[in-house]
Amino acid sequence: RQQILLGLLDSSERFHVSLCNPPFHASLDEAQRGSQRKWRALGKADPKRKLPVLNFGGQSQELWCEGGEIGFVTQLIQESAILPGQVVWFSTLVSKASNLPPIQSALKKAGALEVKVIEMGQGQKQSRFVAWTFLDKAQRTPH
């Protein structure tokens, strides 16, 4: 598995926030089926086209990874726990509400001190993001 955060941040770097829009499919086939459903729902299915455009132009590594959204976000959480003082708030989008329980469990296991789930709605699409920190309030307050 490739690293997400480890090796990306220099040990002297500090950030207020890390934002992530994770790949949410577990395979290329799953990503293609999801794109086909989306195009059909928009009334734009092209019967002559053999392969669907992947989810409106995203690159394959942006759309799927082994383990899907839960696998990616769990790894992100594990890596964030190794870098607790370098980022005040880590965050990630979560496409499916059903993915929240395993993500919240991973955050508890990693020792996150505070976790926030923020629900969002764009038209008929419901989504959310999860934010977490390993720093207490005093450590998060600028001096």
N, C-alpha and C. Protein backbone atom coordinates (compact mmCIF):
# COMPACT_ATOMS: atom_id res chain seq x y z
N ARG A 1 0.82 -1.19 0.00
CA ARG A 1 0.00 0.00 0.00
C ARG A 1 0.86 1.26 0.00
N GLN A 2 0.44 2.23 -0.76
CA GLN A 2 1.16 3.50 -0.79
C GLN A 2 0.82 4.34 0.43
N GLN A 3 1.75 5.17 0.81
CA GLN A 3 1.51 6.07 1.94
C GLN A 3 0.66 7.25 1.50
N ILE A 4 -0.09 7.79 2.45
CA ILE A 4 -0.94 8.94 2.16
C ILE A 4 -0.27 10.20 2.71
N LEU A 5 0.00 10.22 4.00
CA LEU A 5 0.62 11.39 4.65
C LEU A 5 2.10 11.19 4.95
N LEU A 6 2.46 9.97 5.32
CA LEU A 6 3.84 9.70 5.73
C LEU A 6 4.77 9.93 4.55
N GLY A 7 5.82 10.66 4.78
CA GLY A 7 6.75 10.99 3.71
C GLY A 7 6.36 12.25 2.94
N LEU A 8 5.14 12.71 3.15
CA LEU A 8 4.67 13.92 2.49
C LEU A 8 5.05 15.17 3.28
N LEU A 9 4.94 15.07 4.59
CA LEU A 9 5.22 16.21 5.46
C LEU A 9 6.64 16.14 6.00
N ASP A 10 7.35 17.24 5.91
CA ASP A 10 8.66 17.35 6.53
C ASP A 10 8.44 17.48 8.03
N SER A 11 9.34 16.94 8.83
CA SER A 11 9.14 16.95 10.29
C SER A 11 9.05 18.35 10.88
N SER A 12 9.53 19.36 10.17
CA SER A 12 9.46 20.73 10.69
C SER A 12 8.19 21.46 10.25
N GLU A 13 7.41 20.86 9.36
CA GLU A 13 6.20 21.53 8.86
C GLU A 13 5.03 21.39 9.82
N ARG A 14 4.25 22.47 9.93
CA ARG A 14 3.04 22.47 10.75
C ARG A 14 1.90 23.07 9.93
N PHE A 15 0.72 22.49 10.03
CA PHE A 15 -0.45 22.95 9.29
C PHE A 15 -1.65 23.05 10.22
N HIS A 16 -2.55 23.96 9.91
CA HIS A 16 -3.78 24.09 10.69
C HIS A 16 -4.78 23.01 10.31
N VAL A 17 -4.82 22.65 9.02
CA VAL A 17 -5.84 21.69 8.57
C VAL A 17 -5.32 20.87 7.40
N SER A 18 -5.78 19.66 7.33
CA SER A 18 -5.53 18.76 6.21
C SER A 18 -6.90 18.35 5.67
N LEU A 19 -7.13 18.57 4.38
CA LEU A 19 -8.41 18.23 3.74
C LEU A 19 -8.20 17.06 2.80
N CYS A 20 -9.11 16.10 2.81
CA CYS A 20 -8.99 14.94 1.94
C CYS A 20 -10.32 14.64 1.27
N ASN A 21 -10.27 14.40 -0.02
CA ASN A 21 -11.41 13.90 -0.79
C ASN A 21 -11.00 12.51 -1.25
N PRO A 22 -11.31 11.49 -0.46
CA PRO A 22 -10.75 10.15 -0.71
C PRO A 22 -11.40 9.45 -1.90
N PRO A 23 -10.67 8.50 -2.48
CA PRO A 23 -11.31 7.63 -3.48
C PRO A 23 -12.39 6.83 -2.76
N PHE A 24 -13.55 6.66 -3.39
CA PHE A 24 -14.61 5.98 -2.66
C PHE A 24 -15.01 4.65 -3.25
N HIS A 25 -14.41 4.24 -4.35
CA HIS A 25 -14.69 2.92 -4.91
C HIS A 25 -13.56 1.96 -4.55
N ALA A 26 -13.90 0.67 -4.44
CA ALA A 26 -12.92 -0.34 -4.06
C ALA A 26 -12.23 -0.99 -5.25
N SER A 27 -12.71 -0.72 -6.48
CA SER A 27 -12.11 -1.31 -7.67
C SER A 27 -12.46 -0.47 -8.89
N LEU A 28 -11.72 -0.69 -9.98
CA LEU A 28 -12.01 -0.01 -11.24
C LEU A 28 -13.40 -0.39 -11.73
N ASP A 29 -13.76 -1.67 -11.61
CA ASP A 29 -15.08 -2.13 -12.04
C ASP A 29 -16.19 -1.42 -11.26
N GLU A 30 -16.02 -1.29 -9.96
CA GLU A 30 -17.01 -0.59 -9.13
C GLU A 30 -17.12 0.88 -9.55
N ALA A 31 -16.00 1.51 -9.85
CA ALA A 31 -16.01 2.91 -10.29
C ALA A 31 -16.74 3.05 -11.62
N GLN A 32 -16.51 2.11 -12.54
CA GLN A 32 -17.19 2.16 -13.84
C GLN A 32 -18.69 1.95 -13.69
N ARG A 33 -19.09 1.00 -12.83
CA ARG A 33 -20.53 0.78 -12.61
C ARG A 33 -21.18 2.02 -11.99
N GLY A 34 -20.49 2.65 -11.05
CA GLY A 34 -21.01 3.87 -10.44
C GLY A 34 -21.18 4.98 -11.46
N SER A 35 -20.22 5.11 -12.36
CA SER A 35 -20.31 6.14 -13.40
C SER A 35 -21.46 5.84 -14.37
N GLN A 36 -21.63 4.56 -14.71
CA GLN A 36 -22.74 4.19 -15.60
C GLN A 36 -24.07 4.55 -14.96
N ARG A 37 -24.23 4.24 -13.66
CA ARG A 37 -25.47 4.59 -12.96
C ARG A 37 -25.70 6.10 -12.99
N LYS A 38 -24.64 6.86 -12.75
CA LYS A 38 -24.77 8.31 -12.70
C LYS A 38 -25.16 8.86 -14.07
N TRP A 39 -24.52 8.37 -15.13
CA TRP A 39 -24.85 8.85 -16.48
C TRP A 39 -26.29 8.47 -16.84
N ARG A 40 -26.71 7.25 -16.49
CA ARG A 40 -28.10 6.83 -16.79
C ARG A 40 -29.09 7.72 -16.05
N ALA A 41 -28.79 8.02 -14.80
CA ALA A 41 -29.69 8.87 -14.01
C ALA A 41 -29.79 10.27 -14.61
N LEU A 42 -28.74 10.70 -15.26
CA LEU A 42 -28.77 12.02 -15.91
C LEU A 42 -29.35 11.95 -17.32
N GLY A 43 -29.72 10.73 -17.76
CA GLY A 43 -30.28 10.56 -19.10
C GLY A 43 -29.24 10.70 -20.19
N LYS A 44 -27.98 10.41 -19.87
CA LYS A 44 -26.90 10.61 -20.83
C LYS A 44 -26.16 9.31 -21.14
N ALA A 45 -26.79 8.18 -20.91
CA ALA A 45 -26.12 6.92 -21.22
C ALA A 45 -25.94 6.82 -22.72
N ASP A 46 -24.78 6.43 -23.16
CA ASP A 46 -24.48 6.28 -24.58
C ASP A 46 -24.33 4.80 -24.88
N PRO A 47 -25.32 4.19 -25.56
CA PRO A 47 -25.25 2.75 -25.81
C PRO A 47 -24.08 2.35 -26.71
N LYS A 48 -23.52 3.28 -27.50
CA LYS A 48 -22.40 2.96 -28.39
C LYS A 48 -21.07 2.94 -27.65
N ARG A 49 -21.04 3.56 -26.51
CA ARG A 49 -19.78 3.69 -25.77
C ARG A 49 -19.54 2.41 -24.96
N LYS A 50 -18.39 1.80 -25.16
CA LYS A 50 -18.07 0.55 -24.47
C LYS A 50 -17.69 0.79 -23.00
N LEU A 51 -16.84 1.79 -22.76
CA LEU A 51 -16.40 2.08 -21.39
C LEU A 51 -16.94 3.44 -20.99
N PRO A 52 -17.51 3.53 -19.80
CA PRO A 52 -18.02 4.83 -19.35
C PRO A 52 -16.89 5.78 -18.98
N VAL A 53 -17.17 7.05 -19.09
CA VAL A 53 -16.23 8.03 -18.55
C VAL A 53 -16.28 7.86 -17.04
N LEU A 54 -15.13 7.78 -16.43
CA LEU A 54 -15.09 7.55 -14.98
C LEU A 54 -15.50 8.80 -14.23
N ASN A 55 -16.68 8.75 -13.68
CA ASN A 55 -17.17 9.75 -12.72
C ASN A 55 -16.79 11.18 -13.07
N PHE A 56 -17.14 11.58 -14.27
CA PHE A 56 -16.99 12.98 -14.66
C PHE A 56 -15.54 13.44 -14.67
N GLY A 57 -14.63 12.58 -15.12
CA GLY A 57 -13.28 13.03 -15.42
C GLY A 57 -12.21 12.81 -14.37
N GLY A 58 -12.51 12.22 -13.25
CA GLY A 58 -11.47 11.97 -12.26
C GLY A 58 -10.49 10.93 -12.76
N GLN A 59 -9.25 11.00 -12.30
CA GLN A 59 -8.25 10.00 -12.63
C GLN A 59 -8.54 8.73 -11.83
N SER A 60 -8.17 7.57 -12.38
CA SER A 60 -8.55 6.30 -11.73
C SER A 60 -8.07 6.22 -10.28
N GLN A 61 -6.83 6.68 -10.00
CA GLN A 61 -6.33 6.61 -8.62
C GLN A 61 -7.04 7.58 -7.70
N GLU A 62 -7.79 8.53 -8.27
CA GLU A 62 -8.58 9.45 -7.45
C GLU A 62 -9.95 8.86 -7.14
N LEU A 63 -10.38 7.85 -7.90
CA LEU A 63 -11.72 7.31 -7.77
C LEU A 63 -11.80 5.99 -7.04
N TRP A 64 -10.73 5.21 -7.07
CA TRP A 64 -10.80 3.91 -6.40
C TRP A 64 -9.45 3.54 -5.81
N CYS A 65 -9.52 2.72 -4.77
CA CYS A 65 -8.33 2.12 -4.18
C CYS A 65 -8.77 0.84 -3.47
N GLU A 66 -7.83 -0.03 -3.27
CA GLU A 66 -8.13 -1.27 -2.56
C GLU A 66 -8.69 -0.93 -1.18
N GLY A 67 -9.82 -1.51 -0.84
CA GLY A 67 -10.46 -1.23 0.44
C GLY A 67 -11.48 -0.11 0.36
N GLY A 68 -11.54 0.57 -0.79
CA GLY A 68 -12.53 1.63 -0.98
C GLY A 68 -12.34 2.77 0.01
N GLU A 69 -13.41 3.51 0.20
CA GLU A 69 -13.36 4.68 1.07
C GLU A 69 -12.97 4.31 2.50
N ILE A 70 -13.55 3.25 3.03
CA ILE A 70 -13.24 2.86 4.42
C ILE A 70 -11.76 2.51 4.55
N GLY A 71 -11.24 1.73 3.61
CA GLY A 71 -9.83 1.35 3.67
C GLY A 71 -8.90 2.55 3.59
N PHE A 72 -9.20 3.46 2.66
CA PHE A 72 -8.36 4.65 2.49
C PHE A 72 -8.41 5.54 3.73
N VAL A 73 -9.61 5.82 4.21
CA VAL A 73 -9.75 6.72 5.36
C VAL A 73 -9.16 6.09 6.62
N THR A 74 -9.31 4.78 6.79
CA THR A 74 -8.70 4.10 7.94
C THR A 74 -7.18 4.26 7.91
N GLN A 75 -6.58 4.10 6.73
CA GLN A 75 -5.13 4.29 6.60
C GLN A 75 -4.76 5.75 6.89
N LEU A 76 -5.56 6.68 6.38
CA LEU A 76 -5.33 8.11 6.65
C LEU A 76 -5.34 8.38 8.16
N ILE A 77 -6.30 7.79 8.85
CA ILE A 77 -6.40 7.97 10.31
C ILE A 77 -5.16 7.39 11.00
N GLN A 78 -4.76 6.18 10.62
CA GLN A 78 -3.58 5.55 11.22
C GLN A 78 -2.33 6.40 11.01
N GLU A 79 -2.18 6.94 9.80
CA GLU A 79 -1.01 7.78 9.52
C GLU A 79 -1.09 9.11 10.26
N SER A 80 -2.30 9.66 10.39
CA SER A 80 -2.44 10.93 11.10
C SER A 80 -2.05 10.78 12.57
N ALA A 81 -2.28 9.61 13.14
CA ALA A 81 -1.93 9.36 14.54
C ALA A 81 -0.41 9.36 14.74
N ILE A 82 0.33 9.12 13.68
CA ILE A 82 1.80 9.14 13.76
C ILE A 82 2.32 10.58 13.69
N LEU A 83 1.48 11.49 13.17
CA LEU A 83 1.86 12.89 12.99
C LEU A 83 0.95 13.83 13.79
N PRO A 84 0.66 13.51 15.04
CA PRO A 84 -0.39 14.24 15.76
C PRO A 84 -0.13 15.73 15.97
N GLY A 85 1.12 16.13 16.09
CA GLY A 85 1.41 17.53 16.34
C GLY A 85 1.67 18.36 15.10
N GLN A 86 1.69 17.72 13.94
CA GLN A 86 2.01 18.46 12.72
C GLN A 86 0.79 19.09 12.06
N VAL A 87 -0.38 18.58 12.35
CA VAL A 87 -1.62 19.11 11.77
C VAL A 87 -2.61 19.27 12.91
N VAL A 88 -3.21 20.45 13.03
CA VAL A 88 -4.17 20.68 14.11
C VAL A 88 -5.43 19.87 13.85
N TRP A 89 -6.03 20.02 12.68
CA TRP A 89 -7.25 19.28 12.33
C TRP A 89 -7.03 18.50 11.04
N PHE A 90 -7.27 17.21 11.10
CA PHE A 90 -7.31 16.36 9.91
C PHE A 90 -8.77 16.27 9.50
N SER A 91 -9.05 16.15 8.21
CA SER A 91 -10.44 15.99 7.79
C SER A 91 -10.52 15.20 6.49
N THR A 92 -11.69 14.60 6.30
CA THR A 92 -11.95 13.86 5.07
C THR A 92 -13.43 13.89 4.75
N LEU A 93 -13.74 13.92 3.48
CA LEU A 93 -15.13 13.73 3.06
C LEU A 93 -15.47 12.26 3.26
N VAL A 94 -16.72 11.98 3.53
CA VAL A 94 -17.22 10.60 3.64
C VAL A 94 -18.48 10.53 2.78
N SER A 95 -18.44 9.72 1.73
CA SER A 95 -19.54 9.72 0.76
C SER A 95 -20.79 9.00 1.27
N LYS A 96 -20.61 7.96 2.06
CA LYS A 96 -21.76 7.16 2.51
C LYS A 96 -21.86 7.19 4.04
N ALA A 97 -23.06 7.48 4.52
CA ALA A 97 -23.28 7.50 5.97
C ALA A 97 -22.96 6.14 6.59
N SER A 98 -23.17 5.06 5.84
CA SER A 98 -22.90 3.72 6.37
C SER A 98 -21.41 3.49 6.63
N ASN A 99 -20.54 4.35 6.08
CA ASN A 99 -19.10 4.23 6.34
C ASN A 99 -18.67 4.91 7.64
N LEU A 100 -19.57 5.68 8.25
CA LEU A 100 -19.20 6.41 9.47
C LEU A 100 -18.84 5.50 10.65
N PRO A 101 -19.61 4.46 10.98
CA PRO A 101 -19.25 3.65 12.16
C PRO A 101 -17.83 3.08 12.12
N PRO A 102 -17.37 2.45 11.01
CA PRO A 102 -15.99 1.96 11.04
C PRO A 102 -14.96 3.08 11.09
N ILE A 103 -15.28 4.23 10.49
CA ILE A 103 -14.36 5.37 10.54
C ILE A 103 -14.29 5.92 11.96
N GLN A 104 -15.43 6.05 12.62
CA GLN A 104 -15.45 6.53 14.00
C GLN A 104 -14.73 5.55 14.93
N SER A 105 -14.88 4.27 14.67
CA SER A 105 -14.18 3.25 15.45
C SER A 105 -12.66 3.38 15.27
N ALA A 106 -12.22 3.60 14.04
CA ALA A 106 -10.79 3.77 13.77
C ALA A 106 -10.25 5.02 14.46
N LEU A 107 -11.05 6.07 14.50
CA LEU A 107 -10.63 7.31 15.18
C LEU A 107 -10.49 7.09 16.69
N LYS A 108 -11.42 6.34 17.26
CA LYS A 108 -11.34 6.04 18.70
C LYS A 108 -10.09 5.21 18.98
N LYS A 109 -9.86 4.20 18.16
CA LYS A 109 -8.70 3.32 18.33
C LYS A 109 -7.39 4.11 18.18
N ALA A 110 -7.38 5.11 17.28
CA ALA A 110 -6.17 5.91 17.04
C ALA A 110 -5.92 6.93 18.15
N GLY A 111 -6.93 7.18 18.99
CA GLY A 111 -6.75 8.11 20.10
C GLY A 111 -7.08 9.56 19.79
N ALA A 112 -7.92 9.80 18.79
CA ALA A 112 -8.33 11.18 18.49
C ALA A 112 -9.01 11.77 19.72
N LEU A 113 -8.63 12.99 20.08
CA LEU A 113 -9.19 13.64 21.27
C LEU A 113 -10.54 14.29 20.99
N GLU A 114 -10.74 14.74 19.78
CA GLU A 114 -12.01 15.35 19.40
C GLU A 114 -12.33 14.96 17.97
N VAL A 115 -13.58 14.60 17.74
CA VAL A 115 -14.05 14.19 16.41
C VAL A 115 -15.34 14.95 16.12
N LYS A 116 -15.45 15.49 14.93
CA LYS A 116 -16.67 16.18 14.51
C LYS A 116 -17.14 15.59 13.19
N VAL A 117 -18.44 15.33 13.10
CA VAL A 117 -19.06 14.89 11.85
C VAL A 117 -19.98 16.02 11.41
N ILE A 118 -19.72 16.57 10.25
CA ILE A 118 -20.49 17.70 9.72
C ILE A 118 -21.26 17.23 8.50
N GLU A 119 -22.59 17.25 8.60
CA GLU A 119 -23.45 16.85 7.48
C GLU A 119 -23.56 18.00 6.49
N MET A 120 -23.61 17.65 5.21
CA MET A 120 -23.74 18.65 4.14
C MET A 120 -24.77 18.15 3.14
N GLY A 121 -25.39 19.06 2.43
CA GLY A 121 -26.33 18.68 1.38
C GLY A 121 -26.17 19.62 0.20
N GLN A 122 -26.02 19.03 -0.98
CA GLN A 122 -25.95 19.79 -2.22
C GLN A 122 -27.03 19.23 -3.13
N GLY A 123 -28.12 19.97 -3.30
CA GLY A 123 -29.24 19.44 -4.08
C GLY A 123 -29.78 18.21 -3.39
N GLN A 124 -29.87 17.11 -4.14
CA GLN A 124 -30.37 15.86 -3.56
C GLN A 124 -29.25 15.01 -2.98
N LYS A 125 -28.01 15.43 -3.15
CA LYS A 125 -26.87 14.65 -2.66
C LYS A 125 -26.57 15.00 -1.21
N GLN A 126 -26.55 14.01 -0.38
CA GLN A 126 -26.17 14.17 1.03
C GLN A 126 -24.75 13.64 1.18
N SER A 127 -23.92 14.38 1.86
CA SER A 127 -22.59 13.90 2.19
C SER A 127 -22.20 14.49 3.53
N ARG A 128 -20.99 14.23 3.94
CA ARG A 128 -20.53 14.71 5.22
C ARG A 128 -19.02 14.71 5.21
N PHE A 129 -18.46 15.44 6.15
CA PHE A 129 -17.03 15.29 6.37
C PHE A 129 -16.79 15.05 7.84
N VAL A 130 -15.69 14.38 8.09
CA VAL A 130 -15.28 14.06 9.46
C VAL A 130 -13.97 14.81 9.70
N ALA A 131 -13.89 15.47 10.84
CA ALA A 131 -12.67 16.18 11.24
C ALA A 131 -12.24 15.64 12.60
N TRP A 132 -10.94 15.52 12.79
CA TRP A 132 -10.43 15.01 14.07
C TRP A 132 -9.10 15.68 14.41
N THR A 133 -8.82 15.68 15.69
CA THR A 133 -7.56 16.23 16.18
C THR A 133 -7.03 15.36 17.31
N PHE A 134 -5.72 15.36 17.43
CA PHE A 134 -5.05 14.67 18.53
C PHE A 134 -4.56 15.67 19.57
N LEU A 135 -4.88 16.94 19.36
CA LEU A 135 -4.43 18.01 20.25
C LEU A 135 -5.58 18.46 21.14
N ASP A 136 -5.27 18.74 22.41
CA ASP A 136 -6.32 19.27 23.28
C ASP A 136 -6.52 20.76 22.97
N LYS A 137 -7.53 21.33 23.58
CA LYS A 137 -7.90 22.72 23.26
C LYS A 137 -6.73 23.69 23.50
N ALA A 138 -6.00 23.51 24.59
CA ALA A 138 -4.86 24.40 24.88
C ALA A 138 -3.79 24.28 23.80
N GLN A 139 -3.54 23.07 23.32
CA GLN A 139 -2.53 22.88 22.28
C GLN A 139 -2.98 23.46 20.93
N ARG A 140 -4.30 23.55 20.72
CA ARG A 140 -4.84 24.07 19.46
C ARG A 140 -4.92 25.59 19.44
N THR A 141 -4.84 26.22 20.61
CA THR A 141 -4.97 27.67 20.70
C THR A 141 -3.65 28.33 20.34
N PRO A 142 -3.69 29.28 19.38
CA PRO A 142 -2.44 29.97 19.01
C PRO A 142 -1.89 30.77 20.19
N HIS A 143 -0.60 30.79 20.32
CA HIS A 143 0.04 31.50 21.44
C HIS A 143 0.52 32.86 21.00
